[in-house]
Amino acid sequence: MKTFNDLEFKPHPSGIGGIVSRIKFDNGYGASIVQGPHTYGGEDGLYELAVLNSNGDLIYDTPITSDVEGYLSEAQVTDLLIKIQQL
């Protein structure tokens, strides 16, 4: 199972600061994890996560969440990554 430690962060391409990592899983799902001045919890060093479909698009209709999840610690990101991999 992939965890927070497997994520590779890069500067956010929007140019507004922050970092982003995208990861794909064998089951066709993926996740986008971001942290920055305009993300939920970013100013506190926390992360937000969105579930991605096989095309890399955000989706809101999984058992994991119906929205972006914010204010996440590294451990909470790992928990959600594991749940996505189990879909």
PDB file of N, CA and C in Angstrom:
ATOM      1  N   MET A   1       0.834  -1.188   0.000  1.00  0.00           N
ATOM      2  CA  MET A   1       0.000   0.000   0.000  1.00  0.00           C
ATOM      3  C   MET A   1       0.881   1.254   0.000  1.00  0.00           C
ATOM      4  N   LYS A   2       0.470   2.205  -0.806  1.00  0.00           N
ATOM      5  CA  LYS A   2       1.164   3.489  -0.859  1.00  0.00           C
ATOM      6  C   LYS A   2       0.714   4.350   0.319  1.00  0.00           C
ATOM      7  N   THR A   3       1.665   5.111   0.869  1.00  0.00           N
ATOM      8  CA  THR A   3       1.390   5.984   2.010  1.00  0.00           C
ATOM      9  C   THR A   3       1.911   7.386   1.724  1.00  0.00           C
ATOM     10  N   PHE A   4       1.758   8.274   2.685  1.00  0.00           N
ATOM     11  CA  PHE A   4       2.246   9.643   2.538  1.00  0.00           C
ATOM     12  C   PHE A   4       3.717   9.656   2.152  1.00  0.00           C
ATOM     13  N   ASN A   5       4.502   8.735   2.694  1.00  0.00           N
ATOM     14  CA  ASN A   5       5.940   8.703   2.420  1.00  0.00           C
ATOM     15  C   ASN A   5       6.265   8.375   0.970  1.00  0.00           C
ATOM     16  N   ASP A   6       5.307   7.855   0.215  1.00  0.00           N
ATOM     17  CA  ASP A   6       5.525   7.542  -1.197  1.00  0.00           C
ATOM     18  C   ASP A   6       5.224   8.732  -2.112  1.00  0.00           C
ATOM     19  N   LEU A   7       4.682   9.799  -1.565  1.00  0.00           N
ATOM     20  CA  LEU A   7       4.322  10.956  -2.379  1.00  0.00           C
ATOM     21  C   LEU A   7       5.565  11.767  -2.745  1.00  0.00           C
ATOM     22  N   GLU A   8       5.577  12.266  -3.965  1.00  0.00           N
ATOM     23  CA  GLU A   8       6.640  13.144  -4.432  1.00  0.00           C
ATOM     24  C   GLU A   8       6.022  14.509  -4.724  1.00  0.00           C
ATOM     25  N   PHE A   9       6.351  15.478  -3.893  1.00  0.00           N
ATOM     26  CA  PHE A   9       5.775  16.810  -4.035  1.00  0.00           C
ATOM     27  C   PHE A   9       6.616  17.677  -4.959  1.00  0.00           C
ATOM     28  N   LYS A  10       5.900  18.505  -5.720  1.00  0.00           N
ATOM     29  CA  LYS A  10       6.524  19.475  -6.625  1.00  0.00           C
ATOM     30  C   LYS A  10       5.875  20.823  -6.370  1.00  0.00           C
ATOM     31  N   PRO A  11       6.532  21.907  -6.769  1.00  0.00           N
ATOM     32  CA  PRO A  11       5.888  23.222  -6.639  1.00  0.00           C
ATOM     33  C   PRO A  11       4.554  23.241  -7.383  1.00  0.00           C
ATOM     34  N   HIS A  12       3.561  23.865  -6.795  1.00  0.00           N
ATOM     35  CA  HIS A  12       2.243  23.934  -7.421  1.00  0.00           C
ATOM     36  C   HIS A  12       2.344  24.734  -8.712  1.00  0.00           C
ATOM     37  N   PRO A  13       1.804  24.226  -9.821  1.00  0.00           N
ATOM     38  CA  PRO A  13       1.961  24.887 -11.121  1.00  0.00           C
ATOM     39  C   PRO A  13       1.181  26.195 -11.263  1.00  0.00           C
ATOM     40  N   SER A  14       0.306  26.495 -10.320  1.00  0.00           N
ATOM     41  CA  SER A  14      -0.502  27.711 -10.446  1.00  0.00           C
ATOM     42  C   SER A  14       0.308  28.978 -10.240  1.00  0.00           C
ATOM     43  N   GLY A  15       1.493  28.843  -9.649  1.00  0.00           N
ATOM     44  CA  GLY A  15       2.320  30.011  -9.403  1.00  0.00           C
ATOM     45  C   GLY A  15       1.944  30.793  -8.162  1.00  0.00           C
ATOM     46  N   ILE A  16       0.999  30.267  -7.372  1.00  0.00           N
ATOM     47  CA  ILE A  16       0.582  30.982  -6.162  1.00  0.00           C
ATOM     48  C   ILE A  16       1.235  30.422  -4.907  1.00  0.00           C
ATOM     49  N   GLY A  17       2.203  29.561  -5.096  1.00  0.00           N
ATOM     50  CA  GLY A  17       2.877  28.948  -3.956  1.00  0.00           C
ATOM     51  C   GLY A  17       2.272  27.613  -3.607  1.00  0.00           C
ATOM     52  N   GLY A  18       2.962  26.905  -2.759  1.00  0.00           N
ATOM     53  CA  GLY A  18       2.474  25.614  -2.312  1.00  0.00           C
ATOM     54  C   GLY A  18       3.080  24.462  -3.089  1.00  0.00           C
ATOM     55  N   ILE A  19       2.678  23.270  -2.696  1.00  0.00           N
ATOM     56  CA  ILE A  19       3.185  22.043  -3.298  1.00  0.00           C
ATOM     57  C   ILE A  19       2.021  21.125  -3.663  1.00  0.00           C
ATOM     58  N   VAL A  20       2.289  20.213  -4.596  1.00  0.00           N
ATOM     59  CA  VAL A  20       1.254  19.282  -5.043  1.00  0.00           C
ATOM     60  C   VAL A  20       1.897  17.942  -5.365  1.00  0.00           C
ATOM     61  N   SER A  21       1.150  16.883  -5.118  1.00  0.00           N
ATOM     62  CA  SER A  21       1.546  15.536  -5.524  1.00  0.00           C
ATOM     63  C   SER A  21       0.307  14.834  -6.056  1.00  0.00           C
ATOM     64  N   ARG A  22       0.503  14.116  -7.152  1.00  0.00           N
ATOM     65  CA  ARG A  22      -0.575  13.289  -7.706  1.00  0.00           C
ATOM     66  C   ARG A  22      -0.065  11.863  -7.742  1.00  0.00           C
ATOM     67  N   ILE A  23      -0.933  10.947  -7.393  1.00  0.00           N
ATOM     68  CA  ILE A  23      -0.556   9.541  -7.374  1.00  0.00           C
ATOM     69  C   ILE A  23      -1.695   8.724  -7.979  1.00  0.00           C
ATOM     70  N   LYS A  24      -1.333   7.712  -8.768  1.00  0.00           N
ATOM     71  CA  LYS A  24      -2.316   6.800  -9.360  1.00  0.00           C
ATOM     72  C   LYS A  24      -2.151   5.430  -8.738  1.00  0.00           C
ATOM     73  N   PHE A  25      -3.273   4.717  -8.645  1.00  0.00           N
ATOM     74  CA  PHE A  25      -3.257   3.378  -8.071  1.00  0.00           C
ATOM     75  C   PHE A  25      -3.686   2.350  -9.109  1.00  0.00           C
ATOM     76  N   ASP A  26      -3.359   1.097  -8.856  1.00  0.00           N
ATOM     77  CA  ASP A  26      -3.659   0.010  -9.779  1.00  0.00           C
ATOM     78  C   ASP A  26      -5.157  -0.159 -10.030  1.00  0.00           C
ATOM     79  N   ASN A  27      -5.992   0.289  -9.097  1.00  0.00           N
ATOM     80  CA  ASN A  27      -7.444   0.117  -9.256  1.00  0.00           C
ATOM     81  C   ASN A  27      -8.077   1.199 -10.134  1.00  0.00           C
ATOM     82  N   GLY A  28      -7.259   2.098 -10.696  1.00  0.00           N
ATOM     83  CA  GLY A  28      -7.775   3.138 -11.579  1.00  0.00           C
ATOM     84  C   GLY A  28      -8.050   4.459 -10.894  1.00  0.00           C
ATOM     85  N   TYR A  29      -8.089   4.461  -9.595  1.00  0.00           N
ATOM     86  CA  TYR A  29      -8.285   5.703  -8.859  1.00  0.00           C
ATOM     87  C   TYR A  29      -6.936   6.355  -8.586  1.00  0.00           C
ATOM     88  N   GLY A  30      -7.012   7.572  -8.119  1.00  0.00           N
ATOM     89  CA  GLY A  30      -5.812   8.285  -7.737  1.00  0.00           C
ATOM     90  C   GLY A  30      -6.154   9.353  -6.728  1.00  0.00           C
ATOM     91  N   ALA A  31      -5.144  10.158  -6.391  1.00  0.00           N
ATOM     92  CA  ALA A  31      -5.358  11.231  -5.427  1.00  0.00           C
ATOM     93  C   ALA A  31      -4.474  12.413  -5.781  1.00  0.00           C
ATOM     94  N   SER A  32      -4.980  13.585  -5.489  1.00  0.00           N
ATOM     95  CA  SER A  32      -4.231  14.817  -5.589  1.00  0.00           C
ATOM     96  C   SER A  32      -4.112  15.373  -4.181  1.00  0.00           C
ATOM     97  N   ILE A  33      -2.879  15.616  -3.753  1.00  0.00           N
ATOM     98  CA  ILE A  33      -2.631  16.116  -2.408  1.00  0.00           C
ATOM     99  C   ILE A  33      -1.915  17.444  -2.545  1.00  0.00           C
ATOM    100  N   VAL A  34      -2.457  18.486  -1.932  1.00  0.00           N
ATOM    101  CA  VAL A  34      -1.866  19.817  -2.044  1.00  0.00           C
ATOM    102  C   VAL A  34      -1.727  20.458  -0.674  1.00  0.00           C
ATOM    103  N   GLN A  35      -0.785  21.385  -0.621  1.00  0.00           N
ATOM    104  CA  GLN A  35      -0.588  22.206   0.577  1.00  0.00           C
ATOM    105  C   GLN A  35      -0.093  23.556   0.100  1.00  0.00           C
ATOM    106  N   GLY A  36      -0.707  24.598   0.590  1.00  0.00           N
ATOM    107  CA  GLY A  36      -0.285  25.935   0.195  1.00  0.00           C
ATOM    108  C   GLY A  36      -1.114  27.000   0.877  1.00  0.00           C
ATOM    109  N   PRO A  37      -0.838  28.249   0.558  1.00  0.00           N
ATOM    110  CA  PRO A  37      -1.512  29.352   1.237  1.00  0.00           C
ATOM    111  C   PRO A  37      -3.003  29.441   0.960  1.00  0.00           C
ATOM    112  N   HIS A  38      -3.479  28.786  -0.085  1.00  0.00           N
ATOM    113  CA  HIS A  38      -4.901  28.866  -0.436  1.00  0.00           C
ATOM    114  C   HIS A  38      -5.596  27.517  -0.349  1.00  0.00           C
ATOM    115  N   THR A  39      -5.018  26.562   0.382  1.00  0.00           N
ATOM    116  CA  THR A  39      -5.638  25.246   0.547  1.00  0.00           C
ATOM    117  C   THR A  39      -6.206  25.119   1.949  1.00  0.00           C
ATOM    118  N   TYR A  40      -7.129  24.177   2.109  1.00  0.00           N
ATOM    119  CA  TYR A  40      -7.756  23.949   3.411  1.00  0.00           C
ATOM    120  C   TYR A  40      -6.723  23.401   4.391  1.00  0.00           C
ATOM    121  N   GLY A  41      -6.246  24.256   5.295  1.00  0.00           N
ATOM    122  CA  GLY A  41      -5.273  23.850   6.305  1.00  0.00           C
ATOM    123  C   GLY A  41      -3.843  24.140   5.933  1.00  0.00           C
ATOM    124  N   GLY A  42      -3.603  24.611   4.727  1.00  0.00           N
ATOM    125  CA  GLY A  42      -2.245  24.849   4.260  1.00  0.00           C
ATOM    126  C   GLY A  42      -1.444  25.810   5.124  1.00  0.00           C
ATOM    127  N   GLU A  43      -2.106  26.842   5.613  1.00  0.00           N
ATOM    128  CA  GLU A  43      -1.407  27.822   6.455  1.00  0.00           C
ATOM    129  C   GLU A  43      -0.955  27.219   7.775  1.00  0.00           C
ATOM    130  N   ASP A  44      -1.547  26.096   8.150  1.00  0.00           N
ATOM    131  CA  ASP A  44      -1.178  25.398   9.385  1.00  0.00           C
ATOM    132  C   ASP A  44      -0.280  24.191   9.111  1.00  0.00           C
ATOM    133  N   GLY A  45       0.220  24.066   7.873  1.00  0.00           N
ATOM    134  CA  GLY A  45       1.079  22.939   7.525  1.00  0.00           C
ATOM    135  C   GLY A  45       0.328  21.660   7.248  1.00  0.00           C
ATOM    136  N   LEU A  46      -0.991  21.771   7.063  1.00  0.00           N
ATOM    137  CA  LEU A  46      -1.825  20.599   6.803  1.00  0.00           C
ATOM    138  C   LEU A  46      -2.110  20.484   5.310  1.00  0.00           C
ATOM    139  N   TYR A  47      -2.705  19.392   4.910  1.00  0.00           N
ATOM    140  CA  TYR A  47      -2.896  19.053   3.504  1.00  0.00           C
ATOM    141  C   TYR A  47      -4.375  18.941   3.162  1.00  0.00           C
ATOM    142  N   GLU A  48      -4.664  19.040   1.864  1.00  0.00           N
ATOM    143  CA  GLU A  48      -5.987  18.681   1.365  1.00  0.00           C
ATOM    144  C   GLU A  48      -5.826  17.619   0.309  1.00  0.00           C
ATOM    145  N   LEU A  49      -6.845  16.778   0.183  1.00  0.00           N
ATOM    146  CA  LEU A  49      -6.801  15.634  -0.724  1.00  0.00           C
ATOM    147  C   LEU A  49      -8.092  15.565  -1.516  1.00  0.00           C
ATOM    148  N   ALA A  50      -7.950  15.252  -2.804  1.00  0.00           N
ATOM    149  CA  ALA A  50      -9.098  14.999  -3.666  1.00  0.00           C
ATOM    150  C   ALA A  50      -8.902  13.652  -4.337  1.00  0.00           C
ATOM    151  N   VAL A  51      -9.990  12.929  -4.529  1.00  0.00           N
ATOM    152  CA  VAL A  51      -9.951  11.642  -5.216  1.00  0.00           C
ATOM    153  C   VAL A  51     -10.010  11.908  -6.724  1.00  0.00           C
ATOM    154  N   LEU A  52      -9.214  11.149  -7.479  1.00  0.00           N
ATOM    155  CA  LEU A  52      -9.164  11.285  -8.929  1.00  0.00           C
ATOM    156  C   LEU A  52      -9.666  10.018  -9.604  1.00  0.00           C
ATOM    157  N   ASN A  53     -10.275  10.186 -10.793  1.00  0.00           N
ATOM    158  CA  ASN A  53     -10.664   9.017 -11.580  1.00  0.00           C
ATOM    159  C   ASN A  53      -9.504   8.599 -12.476  1.00  0.00           C
ATOM    160  N   SER A  54      -9.729   7.624 -13.340  1.00  0.00           N
ATOM    161  CA  SER A  54      -8.657   7.083 -14.175  1.00  0.00           C
ATOM    162  C   SER A  54      -8.136   8.096 -15.198  1.00  0.00           C
ATOM    163  N   ASN A  55      -8.899   9.158 -15.459  1.00  0.00           N
ATOM    164  CA  ASN A  55      -8.452  10.219 -16.363  1.00  0.00           C
ATOM    165  C   ASN A  55      -7.710  11.334 -15.632  1.00  0.00           C
ATOM    166  N   GLY A  56      -7.612  11.209 -14.324  1.00  0.00           N
ATOM    167  CA  GLY A  56      -6.946  12.240 -13.537  1.00  0.00           C
ATOM    168  C   GLY A  56      -7.844  13.405 -13.158  1.00  0.00           C
ATOM    169  N   ASP A  57      -9.149  13.234 -13.357  1.00  0.00           N
ATOM    170  CA  ASP A  57     -10.115  14.278 -13.011  1.00  0.00           C
ATOM    171  C   ASP A  57     -10.625  14.092 -11.590  1.00  0.00           C
ATOM    172  N   LEU A  58     -10.886  15.195 -10.902  1.00  0.00           N
ATOM    173  CA  LEU A  58     -11.469  15.122  -9.565  1.00  0.00           C
ATOM    174  C   LEU A  58     -12.860  14.513  -9.653  1.00  0.00           C
ATOM    175  N   ILE A  59     -13.156  13.633  -8.704  1.00  0.00           N
ATOM    176  CA  ILE A  59     -14.497  13.045  -8.644  1.00  0.00           C
ATOM    177  C   ILE A  59     -15.038  13.197  -7.222  1.00  0.00           C
ATOM    178  N   TYR A  60     -16.343  13.265  -7.139  1.00  0.00           N
ATOM    179  CA  TYR A  60     -16.993  13.549  -5.861  1.00  0.00           C
ATOM    180  C   TYR A  60     -18.040  12.499  -5.493  1.00  0.00           C
ATOM    181  N   ASP A  61     -17.965  11.326  -6.093  1.00  0.00           N
ATOM    182  CA  ASP A  61     -18.999  10.323  -5.861  1.00  0.00           C
ATOM    183  C   ASP A  61     -18.425   8.981  -5.440  1.00  0.00           C
ATOM    184  N   THR A  62     -17.431   9.004  -4.559  1.00  0.00           N
ATOM    185  CA  THR A  62     -16.863   7.759  -4.044  1.00  0.00           C
ATOM    186  C   THR A  62     -17.269   7.592  -2.587  1.00  0.00           C
ATOM    187  N   PRO A  63     -17.142   6.387  -2.052  1.00  0.00           N
ATOM    188  CA  PRO A  63     -17.409   6.193  -0.627  1.00  0.00           C
ATOM    189  C   PRO A  63     -16.395   6.939   0.263  1.00  0.00           C
ATOM    190  N   ILE A  64     -15.293   7.392  -0.326  1.00  0.00           N
ATOM    191  CA  ILE A  64     -14.268   8.088   0.445  1.00  0.00           C
ATOM    192  C   ILE A  64     -14.730   9.481   0.822  1.00  0.00           C
ATOM    193  N   THR A  65     -15.230  10.236  -0.158  1.00  0.00           N
ATOM    194  CA  THR A  65     -15.651  11.608   0.101  1.00  0.00           C
ATOM    195  C   THR A  65     -16.519  12.118  -1.039  1.00  0.00           C
ATOM    196  N   SER A  66     -17.326  13.105  -0.735  1.00  0.00           N
ATOM    197  CA  SER A  66     -18.130  13.754  -1.759  1.00  0.00           C
ATOM    198  C   SER A  66     -17.622  15.168  -2.016  1.00  0.00           C
ATOM    199  N   ASP A  67     -16.398  15.456  -1.542  1.00  0.00           N
ATOM    200  CA  ASP A  67     -15.801  16.774  -1.707  1.00  0.00           C
ATOM    201  C   ASP A  67     -14.296  16.645  -1.517  1.00  0.00           C
ATOM    202  N   VAL A  68     -13.601  17.748  -1.536  1.00  0.00           N
ATOM    203  CA  VAL A  68     -12.188  17.765  -1.176  1.00  0.00           C
ATOM    204  C   VAL A  68     -12.096  17.653   0.340  1.00  0.00           C
ATOM    205  N   GLU A  69     -11.171  16.843   0.813  1.00  0.00           N
ATOM    206  CA  GLU A  69     -10.948  16.712   2.255  1.00  0.00           C
ATOM    207  C   GLU A  69      -9.781  17.612   2.644  1.00  0.00           C
ATOM    208  N   GLY A  70      -9.978  18.464   3.619  1.00  0.00           N
ATOM    209  CA  GLY A  70      -8.937  19.397   4.034  1.00  0.00           C
ATOM    210  C   GLY A  70      -8.532  19.217   5.477  1.00  0.00           C
ATOM    211  N   TYR A  71      -7.547  20.021   5.871  1.00  0.00           N
ATOM    212  CA  TYR A  71      -7.036  20.043   7.254  1.00  0.00           C
ATOM    213  C   TYR A  71      -6.533  18.663   7.681  1.00  0.00           C
ATOM    214  N   LEU A  72      -5.783  18.006   6.791  1.00  0.00           N
ATOM    215  CA  LEU A  72      -5.327  16.633   7.029  1.00  0.00           C
ATOM    216  C   LEU A  72      -3.862  16.598   7.463  1.00  0.00           C
ATOM    217  N   SER A  73      -3.589  15.792   8.469  1.00  0.00           N
ATOM    218  CA  SER A  73      -2.209  15.517   8.864  1.00  0.00           C
ATOM    219  C   SER A  73      -1.625  14.490   7.897  1.00  0.00           C
ATOM    220  N   GLU A  74      -0.327  14.243   7.986  1.00  0.00           N
ATOM    221  CA  GLU A  74       0.295  13.217   7.144  1.00  0.00           C
ATOM    222  C   GLU A  74      -0.342  11.857   7.403  1.00  0.00           C
ATOM    223  N   ALA A  75      -0.636  11.544   8.658  1.00  0.00           N
ATOM    224  CA  ALA A  75      -1.261  10.262   8.990  1.00  0.00           C
ATOM    225  C   ALA A  75      -2.667  10.164   8.404  1.00  0.00           C
ATOM    226  N   GLN A  76      -3.410  11.251   8.422  1.00  0.00           N
ATOM    227  CA  GLN A  76      -4.759  11.237   7.854  1.00  0.00           C
ATOM    228  C   GLN A  76      -4.710  11.096   6.333  1.00  0.00           C
ATOM    229  N   VAL A  77      -3.697  11.708   5.692  1.00  0.00           N
ATOM    230  CA  VAL A  77      -3.528  11.524   4.250  1.00  0.00           C
ATOM    231  C   VAL A  77      -3.277  10.048   3.960  1.00  0.00           C
ATOM    232  N   THR A  78      -2.394   9.430   4.732  1.00  0.00           N
ATOM    233  CA  THR A  78      -2.115   8.001   4.545  1.00  0.00           C
ATOM    234  C   THR A  78      -3.384   7.179   4.690  1.00  0.00           C
ATOM    235  N   ASP A  79      -4.193   7.449   5.706  1.00  0.00           N
ATOM    236  CA  ASP A  79      -5.446   6.704   5.899  1.00  0.00           C
ATOM    237  C   ASP A  79      -6.347   6.799   4.665  1.00  0.00           C
ATOM    238  N   LEU A  80      -6.473   8.014   4.106  1.00  0.00           N
ATOM    239  CA  LEU A  80      -7.314   8.174   2.926  1.00  0.00           C
ATOM    240  C   LEU A  80      -6.699   7.500   1.703  1.00  0.00           C
ATOM    241  N   LEU A  81      -5.383   7.576   1.555  1.00  0.00           N
ATOM    242  CA  LEU A  81      -4.734   6.896   0.431  1.00  0.00           C
ATOM    243  C   LEU A  81      -5.005   5.391   0.473  1.00  0.00           C
ATOM    244  N   ILE A  82      -4.927   4.817   1.640  1.00  0.00           N
ATOM    245  CA  ILE A  82      -5.196   3.373   1.794  1.00  0.00           C
ATOM    246  C   ILE A  82      -6.645   3.061   1.431  1.00  0.00           C
ATOM    247  N   LYS A  83      -7.587   3.893   1.881  1.00  0.00           N
ATOM    248  CA  LYS A  83      -8.995   3.664   1.563  1.00  0.00           C
ATOM    249  C   LYS A  83      -9.249   3.758   0.062  1.00  0.00           C
ATOM    250  N   ILE A  84      -8.579   4.709  -0.600  1.00  0.00           N
ATOM    251  CA  ILE A  84      -8.745   4.842  -2.054  1.00  0.00           C
ATOM    252  C   ILE A  84      -8.214   3.593  -2.757  1.00  0.00           C
ATOM    253  N   GLN A  85      -7.092   3.079  -2.292  1.00  0.00           N
ATOM    254  CA  GLN A  85      -6.507   1.890  -2.902  1.00  0.00           C
ATOM    255  C   GLN A  85      -7.394   0.659  -2.708  1.00  0.00           C
ATOM    256  N   GLN A  86      -8.242   0.670  -1.701  1.00  0.00           N
ATOM    257  CA  GLN A  86      -9.106  -0.468  -1.402  1.00  0.00           C
ATOM    258  C   GLN A  86     -10.448  -0.394  -2.130  1.00  0.00           C
ATOM    259  N   LEU A  87     -10.691   0.672  -2.882  1.00  0.00           N
ATOM    260  CA  LEU A  87     -11.963   0.795  -3.616  1.00  0.00           C
ATOM    261  C   LEU A  87     -12.081  -0.303  -4.668  1.00  0.00           C
TER     262      LEU A  87
END
